Amino acid sequence: MTQKERMNRGLVYDPTDGDIMREQTDCLELLYDYNATRPHEFARRQQLMKKMFAEVGENCYFEPPLHSNFGGRHVHLGNNVYGNFGVTFVDDVEIYVGDCVMFAPNVVVATAGHPILPALRRRAMQFNRPVTIGANVWIGANAVVLPGVTIGENSVIGAGSVVTKDIPANVVAVGNPCRVLRPIGEHDREYFYKNERYDFDVSQYEREEEK
């Protein structure tokens, strides 16, 4: 079994294997080009994203610099995905991102881990587990999503959180390790930040979603 086959099967493998390294370097060339674009080169960025990512929906955009182990090769994006400055995808295997997901600055989504056994870590041995992020999730600044995690749709991950386990849908979750703080509910229909109320009727937006 080749190291690439071991990588794809979720087994412990050697990421410094020549075939893996050549593929990874080719992907990083495209990522380099993306990060070197100028602010007005929006069309160029869109073209590069279609080459870089496994899948790209409509209206997706990442502020450079974007960091990614395989340049997005294993990242699947839905529609209307936005990433602020400094997002990192450790995409040694698949990362699935639903529609309307927002990544705040310096979010890390990691699929890769290393054995605890020191002898294997000296050889840089690695294993990977896919990550799934549901539709309409907002991940706050400097949050870290670890291998194998699933985040349910509509949930909010607080800034600085370390997501070590699955998070259900429709909740606010915070902390290290990240835990559910509360469900999203009636309070969030009235207040947008702490005790500050909306100055408009949010139900019009909810009705639009139901159509």
N, C-alpha and C. Protein backbone atom coordinates (compact mmCIF):
# COMPACT_ATOMS: atom_id res chain seq x y z
N MET A 1 0.85 -1.19 0.00
CA MET A 1 0.00 0.00 0.00
C MET A 1 0.89 1.25 0.00
N THR A 2 0.61 2.16 -0.91
CA THR A 2 1.41 3.38 -0.98
C THR A 2 1.06 4.31 0.18
N GLN A 3 1.92 5.30 0.42
CA GLN A 3 1.66 6.28 1.46
C GLN A 3 0.42 7.11 1.13
N LYS A 4 0.20 7.40 -0.15
CA LYS A 4 -0.99 8.16 -0.56
C LYS A 4 -2.25 7.34 -0.27
N GLU A 5 -2.20 6.03 -0.53
CA GLU A 5 -3.36 5.19 -0.22
C GLU A 5 -3.61 5.14 1.28
N ARG A 6 -2.55 5.06 2.05
CA ARG A 6 -2.70 5.08 3.51
C ARG A 6 -3.31 6.41 3.97
N MET A 7 -2.86 7.49 3.37
CA MET A 7 -3.38 8.82 3.66
C MET A 7 -4.89 8.87 3.40
N ASN A 8 -5.32 8.37 2.26
CA ASN A 8 -6.73 8.43 1.87
C ASN A 8 -7.62 7.51 2.69
N ARG A 9 -7.03 6.48 3.31
CA ARG A 9 -7.80 5.52 4.10
C ARG A 9 -7.83 5.88 5.59
N GLY A 10 -7.23 6.98 5.95
CA GLY A 10 -7.26 7.40 7.34
C GLY A 10 -6.29 6.67 8.23
N LEU A 11 -5.27 6.02 7.64
CA LEU A 11 -4.27 5.31 8.40
C LEU A 11 -3.09 6.22 8.71
N VAL A 12 -2.24 5.80 9.62
CA VAL A 12 -1.01 6.55 9.90
C VAL A 12 -0.08 6.39 8.69
N TYR A 13 0.47 7.51 8.23
CA TYR A 13 1.29 7.51 7.02
C TYR A 13 2.41 8.53 7.12
N ASP A 14 3.29 8.50 6.14
CA ASP A 14 4.42 9.40 6.08
C ASP A 14 4.11 10.55 5.12
N PRO A 15 3.83 11.77 5.62
CA PRO A 15 3.46 12.88 4.74
C PRO A 15 4.63 13.43 3.94
N THR A 16 5.85 12.97 4.24
CA THR A 16 7.01 13.43 3.46
C THR A 16 7.27 12.55 2.24
N ASP A 17 6.39 11.60 1.99
CA ASP A 17 6.51 10.75 0.79
C ASP A 17 6.62 11.63 -0.46
N GLY A 18 7.48 11.22 -1.39
CA GLY A 18 7.76 12.04 -2.57
C GLY A 18 6.54 12.36 -3.39
N ASP A 19 5.67 11.38 -3.65
CA ASP A 19 4.48 11.62 -4.47
C ASP A 19 3.54 12.61 -3.78
N ILE A 20 3.37 12.45 -2.48
CA ILE A 20 2.51 13.37 -1.74
C ILE A 20 3.09 14.77 -1.75
N MET A 21 4.37 14.89 -1.53
CA MET A 21 5.01 16.20 -1.50
C MET A 21 4.93 16.91 -2.85
N ARG A 22 5.08 16.16 -3.94
CA ARG A 22 4.98 16.80 -5.27
C ARG A 22 3.58 17.32 -5.53
N GLU A 23 2.56 16.53 -5.17
CA GLU A 23 1.18 16.99 -5.35
C GLU A 23 0.91 18.22 -4.48
N GLN A 24 1.36 18.17 -3.26
CA GLN A 24 1.14 19.28 -2.34
C GLN A 24 1.82 20.56 -2.84
N THR A 25 3.03 20.43 -3.33
CA THR A 25 3.75 21.60 -3.83
C THR A 25 3.07 22.23 -5.03
N ASP A 26 2.54 21.39 -5.93
CA ASP A 26 1.79 21.92 -7.07
C ASP A 26 0.57 22.71 -6.61
N CYS A 27 -0.11 22.21 -5.59
CA CYS A 27 -1.28 22.92 -5.05
C CYS A 27 -0.88 24.25 -4.43
N LEU A 28 0.25 24.25 -3.76
CA LEU A 28 0.71 25.47 -3.09
C LEU A 28 1.14 26.55 -4.07
N GLU A 29 1.51 26.15 -5.29
CA GLU A 29 1.82 27.14 -6.33
C GLU A 29 0.58 27.98 -6.63
N LEU A 30 -0.58 27.34 -6.75
CA LEU A 30 -1.82 28.07 -7.02
C LEU A 30 -2.19 28.97 -5.84
N LEU A 31 -2.00 28.45 -4.62
CA LEU A 31 -2.30 29.25 -3.44
C LEU A 31 -1.39 30.48 -3.38
N TYR A 32 -0.14 30.31 -3.76
CA TYR A 32 0.80 31.44 -3.81
C TYR A 32 0.28 32.50 -4.78
N ASP A 33 -0.17 32.06 -5.94
CA ASP A 33 -0.71 33.00 -6.94
C ASP A 33 -1.92 33.74 -6.39
N TYR A 34 -2.79 33.01 -5.68
CA TYR A 34 -3.99 33.64 -5.10
C TYR A 34 -3.59 34.74 -4.11
N ASN A 35 -2.67 34.42 -3.22
CA ASN A 35 -2.27 35.38 -2.20
C ASN A 35 -1.48 36.56 -2.77
N ALA A 36 -0.95 36.39 -3.98
CA ALA A 36 -0.18 37.46 -4.61
C ALA A 36 -1.05 38.40 -5.44
N THR A 37 -2.35 38.11 -5.57
CA THR A 37 -3.23 38.98 -6.35
C THR A 37 -3.43 40.32 -5.65
N ARG A 38 -3.73 41.33 -6.46
CA ARG A 38 -3.99 42.67 -5.94
C ARG A 38 -5.48 42.81 -5.61
N PRO A 39 -5.85 43.75 -4.74
CA PRO A 39 -7.23 43.87 -4.30
C PRO A 39 -8.25 44.00 -5.43
N HIS A 40 -7.89 44.67 -6.53
CA HIS A 40 -8.85 44.84 -7.62
C HIS A 40 -8.94 43.63 -8.54
N GLU A 41 -8.11 42.62 -8.31
CA GLU A 41 -8.11 41.45 -9.19
C GLU A 41 -9.11 40.39 -8.71
N PHE A 42 -10.34 40.83 -8.52
CA PHE A 42 -11.38 39.93 -8.01
C PHE A 42 -11.64 38.78 -8.98
N ALA A 43 -11.73 39.07 -10.26
CA ALA A 43 -12.00 38.02 -11.25
C ALA A 43 -10.88 36.98 -11.26
N ARG A 44 -9.64 37.44 -11.12
CA ARG A 44 -8.50 36.53 -11.08
C ARG A 44 -8.60 35.62 -9.85
N ARG A 45 -9.00 36.16 -8.73
CA ARG A 45 -9.15 35.36 -7.53
C ARG A 45 -10.23 34.29 -7.72
N GLN A 46 -11.32 34.67 -8.36
CA GLN A 46 -12.39 33.70 -8.61
C GLN A 46 -11.92 32.57 -9.52
N GLN A 47 -11.15 32.91 -10.54
CA GLN A 47 -10.62 31.89 -11.44
C GLN A 47 -9.70 30.92 -10.70
N LEU A 48 -8.84 31.47 -9.85
CA LEU A 48 -7.90 30.63 -9.11
C LEU A 48 -8.62 29.74 -8.11
N MET A 49 -9.67 30.25 -7.47
CA MET A 49 -10.41 29.44 -6.51
C MET A 49 -11.02 28.21 -7.17
N LYS A 50 -11.49 28.37 -8.39
CA LYS A 50 -12.08 27.23 -9.11
C LYS A 50 -11.04 26.16 -9.41
N LYS A 51 -9.80 26.55 -9.55
CA LYS A 51 -8.71 25.59 -9.76
C LYS A 51 -8.22 25.00 -8.44
N MET A 52 -8.24 25.81 -7.39
CA MET A 52 -7.65 25.41 -6.11
C MET A 52 -8.52 24.45 -5.33
N PHE A 53 -9.82 24.74 -5.23
CA PHE A 53 -10.71 24.01 -4.33
C PHE A 53 -11.33 22.79 -5.01
N ALA A 54 -11.68 21.80 -4.19
CA ALA A 54 -12.36 20.61 -4.71
C ALA A 54 -13.70 20.98 -5.31
N GLU A 55 -14.43 21.85 -4.64
CA GLU A 55 -15.72 22.38 -5.12
C GLU A 55 -15.84 23.82 -4.66
N VAL A 56 -16.41 24.66 -5.51
CA VAL A 56 -16.66 26.06 -5.16
C VAL A 56 -18.05 26.44 -5.63
N GLY A 57 -18.92 26.85 -4.69
CA GLY A 57 -20.24 27.32 -5.06
C GLY A 57 -20.19 28.76 -5.55
N GLU A 58 -21.35 29.37 -5.68
CA GLU A 58 -21.44 30.76 -6.14
C GLU A 58 -21.11 31.72 -4.99
N ASN A 59 -20.50 32.85 -5.37
CA ASN A 59 -20.25 33.96 -4.44
C ASN A 59 -19.40 33.56 -3.23
N CYS A 60 -18.37 32.78 -3.47
CA CYS A 60 -17.43 32.43 -2.41
C CYS A 60 -16.21 33.35 -2.49
N TYR A 61 -15.66 33.68 -1.32
CA TYR A 61 -14.53 34.61 -1.33
C TYR A 61 -13.72 34.48 -0.04
N PHE A 62 -12.40 34.51 -0.18
CA PHE A 62 -11.49 34.51 0.98
C PHE A 62 -10.52 35.68 0.84
N GLU A 63 -10.42 36.45 1.91
CA GLU A 63 -9.45 37.54 1.93
C GLU A 63 -8.03 36.95 2.01
N PRO A 64 -7.12 37.37 1.14
CA PRO A 64 -5.74 36.94 1.32
C PRO A 64 -5.15 37.60 2.58
N PRO A 65 -4.23 36.96 3.29
CA PRO A 65 -3.68 35.66 2.93
C PRO A 65 -4.56 34.50 3.39
N LEU A 66 -4.73 33.54 2.51
CA LEU A 66 -5.37 32.27 2.83
C LEU A 66 -4.27 31.23 2.97
N HIS A 67 -4.35 30.40 3.99
CA HIS A 67 -3.35 29.35 4.21
C HIS A 67 -4.01 27.99 4.08
N SER A 68 -3.32 27.05 3.46
CA SER A 68 -3.91 25.73 3.27
C SER A 68 -2.83 24.72 2.92
N ASN A 69 -2.84 23.59 3.60
CA ASN A 69 -1.82 22.56 3.36
C ASN A 69 -1.77 22.11 1.92
N PHE A 70 -2.95 21.90 1.34
CA PHE A 70 -3.03 21.47 -0.05
C PHE A 70 -3.69 22.53 -0.92
N GLY A 71 -3.61 23.78 -0.51
CA GLY A 71 -4.12 24.87 -1.32
C GLY A 71 -5.61 24.81 -1.59
N GLY A 72 -6.36 24.09 -0.76
CA GLY A 72 -7.79 23.94 -0.96
C GLY A 72 -8.18 22.70 -1.74
N ARG A 73 -7.23 21.88 -2.13
CA ARG A 73 -7.51 20.70 -2.96
C ARG A 73 -8.59 19.79 -2.37
N HIS A 74 -8.66 19.73 -1.05
CA HIS A 74 -9.62 18.84 -0.40
C HIS A 74 -10.74 19.60 0.32
N VAL A 75 -10.95 20.87 -0.04
CA VAL A 75 -11.98 21.70 0.59
C VAL A 75 -13.17 21.84 -0.37
N HIS A 76 -14.37 21.53 0.15
CA HIS A 76 -15.60 21.58 -0.64
C HIS A 76 -16.46 22.74 -0.11
N LEU A 77 -16.68 23.75 -0.93
CA LEU A 77 -17.39 24.95 -0.50
C LEU A 77 -18.79 24.99 -1.11
N GLY A 78 -19.79 25.31 -0.28
CA GLY A 78 -21.12 25.59 -0.79
C GLY A 78 -21.20 26.98 -1.37
N ASN A 79 -22.38 27.56 -1.41
CA ASN A 79 -22.57 28.92 -1.93
C ASN A 79 -22.38 29.96 -0.82
N ASN A 80 -21.92 31.15 -1.22
CA ASN A 80 -21.87 32.30 -0.32
C ASN A 80 -21.01 32.05 0.93
N VAL A 81 -19.88 31.42 0.73
CA VAL A 81 -18.93 31.19 1.83
C VAL A 81 -17.94 32.36 1.86
N TYR A 82 -17.72 32.91 3.07
CA TYR A 82 -16.79 34.03 3.20
C TYR A 82 -15.75 33.72 4.27
N GLY A 83 -14.49 34.00 3.94
CA GLY A 83 -13.40 33.86 4.90
C GLY A 83 -12.64 35.16 5.03
N ASN A 84 -12.50 35.64 6.26
CA ASN A 84 -11.75 36.86 6.51
C ASN A 84 -10.24 36.56 6.50
N PHE A 85 -9.43 37.55 6.77
CA PHE A 85 -7.98 37.43 6.65
C PHE A 85 -7.41 36.30 7.51
N GLY A 86 -6.50 35.53 6.92
CA GLY A 86 -5.72 34.57 7.70
C GLY A 86 -6.38 33.25 8.00
N VAL A 87 -7.44 32.88 7.29
CA VAL A 87 -8.05 31.56 7.49
C VAL A 87 -7.05 30.47 7.08
N THR A 88 -7.01 29.39 7.87
CA THR A 88 -6.11 28.27 7.58
C THR A 88 -6.91 26.98 7.47
N PHE A 89 -6.77 26.30 6.34
CA PHE A 89 -7.33 24.96 6.16
C PHE A 89 -6.17 23.95 6.16
N VAL A 90 -6.12 23.11 7.17
CA VAL A 90 -5.17 22.00 7.16
C VAL A 90 -5.90 20.86 6.45
N ASP A 91 -5.91 20.93 5.13
CA ASP A 91 -6.81 20.10 4.32
C ASP A 91 -6.10 18.88 3.73
N ASP A 92 -5.51 18.07 4.59
CA ASP A 92 -4.88 16.86 4.11
C ASP A 92 -5.92 15.82 3.68
N VAL A 93 -7.13 15.91 4.22
CA VAL A 93 -8.30 15.20 3.68
C VAL A 93 -9.45 16.19 3.64
N GLU A 94 -10.66 15.68 3.36
CA GLU A 94 -11.79 16.53 3.03
C GLU A 94 -12.27 17.42 4.18
N ILE A 95 -12.56 18.67 3.81
CA ILE A 95 -13.28 19.62 4.66
C ILE A 95 -14.52 20.03 3.88
N TYR A 96 -15.69 19.80 4.46
CA TYR A 96 -16.96 20.13 3.81
C TYR A 96 -17.56 21.37 4.48
N VAL A 97 -17.83 22.40 3.68
CA VAL A 97 -18.33 23.67 4.19
C VAL A 97 -19.66 23.98 3.51
N GLY A 98 -20.73 24.15 4.29
CA GLY A 98 -22.05 24.39 3.75
C GLY A 98 -22.25 25.82 3.27
N ASP A 99 -23.45 26.10 2.76
CA ASP A 99 -23.80 27.43 2.26
C ASP A 99 -23.74 28.47 3.38
N CYS A 100 -23.35 29.68 3.02
CA CYS A 100 -23.45 30.85 3.90
C CYS A 100 -22.63 30.72 5.19
N VAL A 101 -21.55 29.98 5.14
CA VAL A 101 -20.65 29.88 6.29
C VAL A 101 -19.73 31.10 6.30
N MET A 102 -19.47 31.64 7.50
CA MET A 102 -18.55 32.77 7.66
C MET A 102 -17.40 32.37 8.59
N PHE A 103 -16.18 32.60 8.10
CA PHE A 103 -14.98 32.39 8.90
C PHE A 103 -14.41 33.75 9.27
N ALA A 104 -14.28 34.02 10.56
CA ALA A 104 -13.67 35.26 11.02
C ALA A 104 -12.14 35.16 10.85
N PRO A 105 -11.41 36.26 11.12
CA PRO A 105 -9.96 36.22 10.94
C PRO A 105 -9.27 35.12 11.76
N ASN A 106 -8.29 34.50 11.12
CA ASN A 106 -7.37 33.55 11.78
C ASN A 106 -8.04 32.29 12.31
N VAL A 107 -9.16 31.90 11.70
CA VAL A 107 -9.77 30.60 12.03
C VAL A 107 -8.90 29.49 11.44
N VAL A 108 -8.74 28.41 12.19
CA VAL A 108 -8.02 27.22 11.73
C VAL A 108 -8.98 26.04 11.70
N VAL A 109 -9.05 25.37 10.56
CA VAL A 109 -9.82 24.13 10.42
C VAL A 109 -8.82 23.04 10.06
N ALA A 110 -8.62 22.09 10.97
CA ALA A 110 -7.55 21.11 10.81
C ALA A 110 -8.11 19.70 10.67
N THR A 111 -7.62 18.96 9.69
CA THR A 111 -7.96 17.54 9.55
C THR A 111 -6.84 16.63 9.99
N ALA A 112 -5.65 17.17 10.20
CA ALA A 112 -4.46 16.36 10.44
C ALA A 112 -4.12 16.26 11.93
N GLY A 113 -3.68 15.07 12.33
CA GLY A 113 -3.17 14.86 13.67
C GLY A 113 -1.92 14.01 13.61
N HIS A 114 -1.24 13.90 14.74
CA HIS A 114 -0.02 13.11 14.81
C HIS A 114 -0.11 12.15 15.99
N PRO A 115 0.45 10.95 15.85
CA PRO A 115 0.42 9.99 16.97
C PRO A 115 1.10 10.58 18.21
N ILE A 116 0.61 10.20 19.37
CA ILE A 116 1.22 10.63 20.62
C ILE A 116 2.59 9.97 20.83
N LEU A 117 2.76 8.76 20.30
CA LEU A 117 3.99 8.00 20.50
C LEU A 117 5.19 8.78 19.97
N PRO A 118 6.18 9.11 20.82
CA PRO A 118 7.30 9.95 20.40
C PRO A 118 8.07 9.42 19.21
N ALA A 119 8.27 8.11 19.13
CA ALA A 119 9.07 7.55 18.04
C ALA A 119 8.45 7.83 16.68
N LEU A 120 7.11 7.85 16.61
CA LEU A 120 6.44 8.12 15.34
C LEU A 120 6.45 9.61 15.02
N ARG A 121 6.35 10.43 16.06
CA ARG A 121 6.38 11.87 15.81
C ARG A 121 7.76 12.34 15.34
N ARG A 122 8.81 11.65 15.77
CA ARG A 122 10.14 12.00 15.28
C ARG A 122 10.24 11.83 13.77
N ARG A 123 9.43 10.94 13.24
CA ARG A 123 9.41 10.68 11.80
C ARG A 123 8.30 11.46 11.10
N ALA A 124 7.64 12.38 11.85
CA ALA A 124 6.58 13.24 11.32
C ALA A 124 5.37 12.46 10.81
N MET A 125 5.15 11.25 11.35
CA MET A 125 4.00 10.44 10.93
C MET A 125 2.69 11.18 11.25
N GLN A 126 1.67 10.87 10.48
CA GLN A 126 0.44 11.66 10.52
C GLN A 126 -0.76 10.78 10.24
N PHE A 127 -1.94 11.26 10.69
CA PHE A 127 -3.22 10.66 10.29
C PHE A 127 -4.21 11.80 10.10
N ASN A 128 -5.30 11.55 9.39
CA ASN A 128 -6.26 12.61 9.07
C ASN A 128 -7.69 12.15 9.32
N ARG A 129 -8.55 13.09 9.67
CA ARG A 129 -9.98 12.85 9.81
C ARG A 129 -10.73 14.04 9.21
N PRO A 130 -11.76 13.79 8.39
CA PRO A 130 -12.48 14.89 7.74
C PRO A 130 -13.27 15.75 8.72
N VAL A 131 -13.55 16.98 8.30
CA VAL A 131 -14.32 17.95 9.09
C VAL A 131 -15.53 18.39 8.26
N THR A 132 -16.67 18.53 8.92
CA THR A 132 -17.90 18.99 8.25
C THR A 132 -18.46 20.19 9.00
N ILE A 133 -18.70 21.27 8.26
CA ILE A 133 -19.27 22.50 8.83
C ILE A 133 -20.60 22.76 8.12
N GLY A 134 -21.69 22.75 8.87
CA GLY A 134 -23.02 22.89 8.30
C GLY A 134 -23.31 24.28 7.78
N ALA A 135 -24.42 24.40 7.07
CA ALA A 135 -24.82 25.67 6.45
C ALA A 135 -25.06 26.75 7.50
N ASN A 136 -24.71 27.98 7.16
CA ASN A 136 -25.03 29.16 7.95
C ASN A 136 -24.33 29.19 9.31
N VAL A 137 -23.18 28.54 9.40
CA VAL A 137 -22.38 28.57 10.63
C VAL A 137 -21.47 29.79 10.60
N TRP A 138 -21.28 30.41 11.76
CA TRP A 138 -20.33 31.51 11.92
C TRP A 138 -19.28 31.06 12.92
N ILE A 139 -18.02 31.08 12.49
CA ILE A 139 -16.92 30.68 13.37
C ILE A 139 -16.11 31.93 13.70
N GLY A 140 -16.02 32.26 14.99
CA GLY A 140 -15.40 33.49 15.45
C GLY A 140 -13.89 33.50 15.33
N ALA A 141 -13.32 34.68 15.47
CA ALA A 141 -11.88 34.89 15.27
C ALA A 141 -11.03 34.00 16.17
N ASN A 142 -9.96 33.47 15.58
CA ASN A 142 -8.97 32.66 16.29
C ASN A 142 -9.51 31.34 16.82
N ALA A 143 -10.67 30.92 16.36
CA ALA A 143 -11.19 29.61 16.75
C ALA A 143 -10.43 28.52 16.00
N VAL A 144 -10.36 27.34 16.62
CA VAL A 144 -9.69 26.19 16.03
C VAL A 144 -10.67 25.02 16.00
N VAL A 145 -10.84 24.42 14.83
CA VAL A 145 -11.71 23.25 14.66
C VAL A 145 -10.80 22.05 14.40
N LEU A 146 -10.87 21.04 15.27
CA LEU A 146 -9.93 19.92 15.22
C LEU A 146 -10.44 18.76 14.36
N PRO A 147 -9.56 17.82 14.03
CA PRO A 147 -9.92 16.72 13.12
C PRO A 147 -11.14 15.93 13.56
N GLY A 148 -11.96 15.56 12.57
CA GLY A 148 -13.10 14.68 12.81
C GLY A 148 -14.35 15.36 13.31
N VAL A 149 -14.33 16.68 13.49
CA VAL A 149 -15.45 17.41 14.08
C VAL A 149 -16.53 17.71 13.04
N THR A 150 -17.79 17.68 13.49
CA THR A 150 -18.93 18.16 12.70
C THR A 150 -19.61 19.28 13.48
N ILE A 151 -19.88 20.40 12.81
CA ILE A 151 -20.61 21.52 13.42
C ILE A 151 -21.96 21.63 12.71
N GLY A 152 -23.04 21.57 13.47
CA GLY A 152 -24.38 21.60 12.90
C GLY A 152 -24.76 22.96 12.35
N GLU A 153 -25.74 22.97 11.47
CA GLU A 153 -26.13 24.20 10.77
C GLU A 153 -26.63 25.27 11.73
N ASN A 154 -26.40 26.53 11.33
CA ASN A 154 -26.86 27.73 12.03
C ASN A 154 -26.12 28.03 13.33
N SER A 155 -25.21 27.18 13.75
CA SER A 155 -24.55 27.40 15.02
C SER A 155 -23.47 28.47 14.92
N VAL A 156 -23.14 29.05 16.08
CA VAL A 156 -22.11 30.08 16.21
C VAL A 156 -21.03 29.55 17.14
N ILE A 157 -19.79 29.59 16.68
CA ILE A 157 -18.64 29.19 17.50
C ILE A 157 -17.94 30.46 17.97
N GLY A 158 -17.85 30.66 19.28
CA GLY A 158 -17.28 31.87 19.84
C GLY A 158 -15.81 32.05 19.53
N ALA A 159 -15.38 33.29 19.50
CA ALA A 159 -13.98 33.61 19.22
C ALA A 159 -13.06 32.91 20.21
N GLY A 160 -11.95 32.39 19.69
CA GLY A 160 -10.96 31.74 20.53
C GLY A 160 -11.30 30.34 20.98
N SER A 161 -12.42 29.81 20.53
CA SER A 161 -12.81 28.46 20.94
C SER A 161 -11.93 27.40 20.30
N VAL A 162 -11.82 26.25 20.98
CA VAL A 162 -11.14 25.08 20.43
C VAL A 162 -12.17 23.95 20.36
N VAL A 163 -12.59 23.64 19.15
CA VAL A 163 -13.69 22.68 18.95
C VAL A 163 -13.10 21.29 18.83
N THR A 164 -13.24 20.51 19.91
CA THR A 164 -12.66 19.17 19.97
C THR A 164 -13.68 18.08 19.69
N LYS A 165 -14.98 18.40 19.82
CA LYS A 165 -16.05 17.42 19.63
C LYS A 165 -17.17 18.04 18.80
N ASP A 166 -18.08 17.20 18.30
CA ASP A 166 -19.19 17.67 17.48
C ASP A 166 -20.03 18.70 18.24
N ILE A 167 -20.52 19.68 17.49
CA ILE A 167 -21.41 20.72 18.03
C ILE A 167 -22.76 20.60 17.31
N PRO A 168 -23.87 20.55 18.03
CA PRO A 168 -25.17 20.39 17.37
C PRO A 168 -25.59 21.65 16.62
N ALA A 169 -26.69 21.54 15.90
CA ALA A 169 -27.24 22.67 15.14
C ALA A 169 -27.92 23.67 16.07
N ASN A 170 -27.97 24.93 15.62
CA ASN A 170 -28.79 25.97 16.26
C ASN A 170 -28.40 26.29 17.70
N VAL A 171 -27.08 26.36 17.94
CA VAL A 171 -26.61 26.71 19.29
C VAL A 171 -25.48 27.72 19.20
N VAL A 172 -25.22 28.39 20.32
CA VAL A 172 -24.01 29.17 20.51
C VAL A 172 -23.08 28.32 21.38
N ALA A 173 -21.86 28.09 20.90
CA ALA A 173 -20.90 27.26 21.62
C ALA A 173 -19.59 28.03 21.77
N VAL A 174 -18.98 27.94 22.95
CA VAL A 174 -17.77 28.73 23.24
C VAL A 174 -16.82 27.92 24.11
N GLY A 175 -15.56 28.36 24.15
CA GLY A 175 -14.63 27.88 25.15
C GLY A 175 -13.60 26.90 24.64
N ASN A 176 -12.72 26.50 25.57
CA ASN A 176 -11.66 25.53 25.30
C ASN A 176 -11.65 24.51 26.44
N PRO A 177 -12.18 23.30 26.18
CA PRO A 177 -12.77 22.84 24.94
C PRO A 177 -14.14 23.49 24.71
N CYS A 178 -14.53 23.60 23.46
CA CYS A 178 -15.78 24.27 23.09
C CYS A 178 -16.98 23.47 23.58
N ARG A 179 -17.89 24.18 24.27
CA ARG A 179 -19.12 23.57 24.79
C ARG A 179 -20.32 24.43 24.43
N VAL A 180 -21.48 23.81 24.38
CA VAL A 180 -22.72 24.54 24.08
C VAL A 180 -23.02 25.49 25.23
N LEU A 181 -23.17 26.77 24.91
CA LEU A 181 -23.53 27.79 25.90
C LEU A 181 -25.04 27.90 26.04
N ARG A 182 -25.72 27.96 24.89
CA ARG A 182 -27.18 28.09 24.90
C ARG A 182 -27.71 27.85 23.50
N PRO A 183 -29.01 27.55 23.39
CA PRO A 183 -29.61 27.45 22.06
C PRO A 183 -29.85 28.84 21.46
N ILE A 184 -29.92 28.90 20.16
CA ILE A 184 -30.33 30.13 19.47
C ILE A 184 -31.85 30.17 19.51
N GLY A 185 -32.42 31.29 20.00
CA GLY A 185 -33.87 31.33 20.18
C GLY A 185 -34.45 32.72 20.15
N GLU A 186 -35.50 32.93 20.96
CA GLU A 186 -36.26 34.18 20.95
C GLU A 186 -35.40 35.38 21.32
N HIS A 187 -34.46 35.19 22.25
CA HIS A 187 -33.59 36.30 22.63
C HIS A 187 -32.87 36.87 21.42
N ASP A 188 -32.49 36.00 20.50
CA ASP A 188 -31.71 36.43 19.33
C ASP A 188 -32.57 37.07 18.26
N ARG A 189 -33.87 36.97 18.39
CA ARG A 189 -34.78 37.68 17.48
C ARG A 189 -34.99 39.12 17.92
N GLU A 190 -34.63 39.42 19.18
CA GLU A 190 -34.84 40.77 19.72
C GLU A 190 -33.53 41.54 19.88
N TYR A 191 -32.46 40.84 20.24
CA TYR A 191 -31.18 41.49 20.53
C TYR A 191 -30.10 41.03 19.54
N PHE A 192 -29.31 41.97 19.04
CA PHE A 192 -28.23 41.61 18.13
C PHE A 192 -26.87 41.59 18.81
N TYR A 193 -26.75 42.27 19.96
CA TYR A 193 -25.48 42.30 20.69
C TYR A 193 -25.75 42.68 22.13
N LYS A 194 -25.48 41.76 23.04
CA LYS A 194 -25.72 41.97 24.47
C LYS A 194 -27.15 42.47 24.69
N ASN A 195 -27.31 43.70 25.21
CA ASN A 195 -28.66 44.22 25.47
C ASN A 195 -29.09 45.24 24.43
N GLU A 196 -28.48 45.22 23.25
CA GLU A 196 -28.82 46.17 22.19
C GLU A 196 -29.85 45.54 21.25
N ARG A 197 -31.02 46.23 21.16
CA ARG A 197 -32.12 45.70 20.37
C ARG A 197 -32.01 46.09 18.90
N TYR A 198 -32.56 45.23 18.04
CA TYR A 198 -32.71 45.59 16.62
C TYR A 198 -33.62 46.80 16.50
N ASP A 199 -33.32 47.66 15.53
CA ASP A 199 -34.20 48.81 15.27
C ASP A 199 -35.09 48.56 14.06
N PHE A 200 -35.27 47.29 13.70
CA PHE A 200 -36.15 46.91 12.60
C PHE A 200 -36.73 45.54 12.90
N ASP A 201 -37.72 45.17 12.13
CA ASP A 201 -38.42 43.90 12.32
C ASP A 201 -37.66 42.78 11.61
N VAL A 202 -37.06 41.87 12.37
CA VAL A 202 -36.26 40.81 11.75
C VAL A 202 -37.13 39.74 11.10
N SER A 203 -38.43 39.74 11.40
CA SER A 203 -39.30 38.69 10.86
C SER A 203 -39.38 38.74 9.34
N GLN A 204 -39.13 39.93 8.76
CA GLN A 204 -39.18 40.02 7.30
C GLN A 204 -38.08 39.14 6.67
N TYR A 205 -36.93 39.05 7.34
CA TYR A 205 -35.85 38.22 6.83
C TYR A 205 -36.15 36.74 7.04
N GLU A 206 -36.81 36.44 8.15
CA GLU A 206 -37.20 35.05 8.40
C GLU A 206 -38.23 34.59 7.39
N ARG A 207 -39.15 35.48 7.02
CA ARG A 207 -40.17 35.12 6.03
C ARG A 207 -39.52 34.87 4.67
N GLU A 208 -38.51 35.67 4.33
CA GLU A 208 -37.82 35.48 3.07
C GLU A 208 -37.15 34.11 3.00
N GLU A 209 -36.61 33.65 4.13
CA GLU A 209 -35.95 32.34 4.16
C GLU A 209 -36.95 31.22 3.98
N GLU A 210 -38.17 31.43 4.42
CA GLU A 210 -39.19 30.39 4.33
C GLU A 210 -39.74 30.22 2.92
N LYS A 211 -39.50 31.19 2.06
CA LYS A 211 -40.03 31.12 0.70
C LYS A 211 -39.31 30.06 -0.12
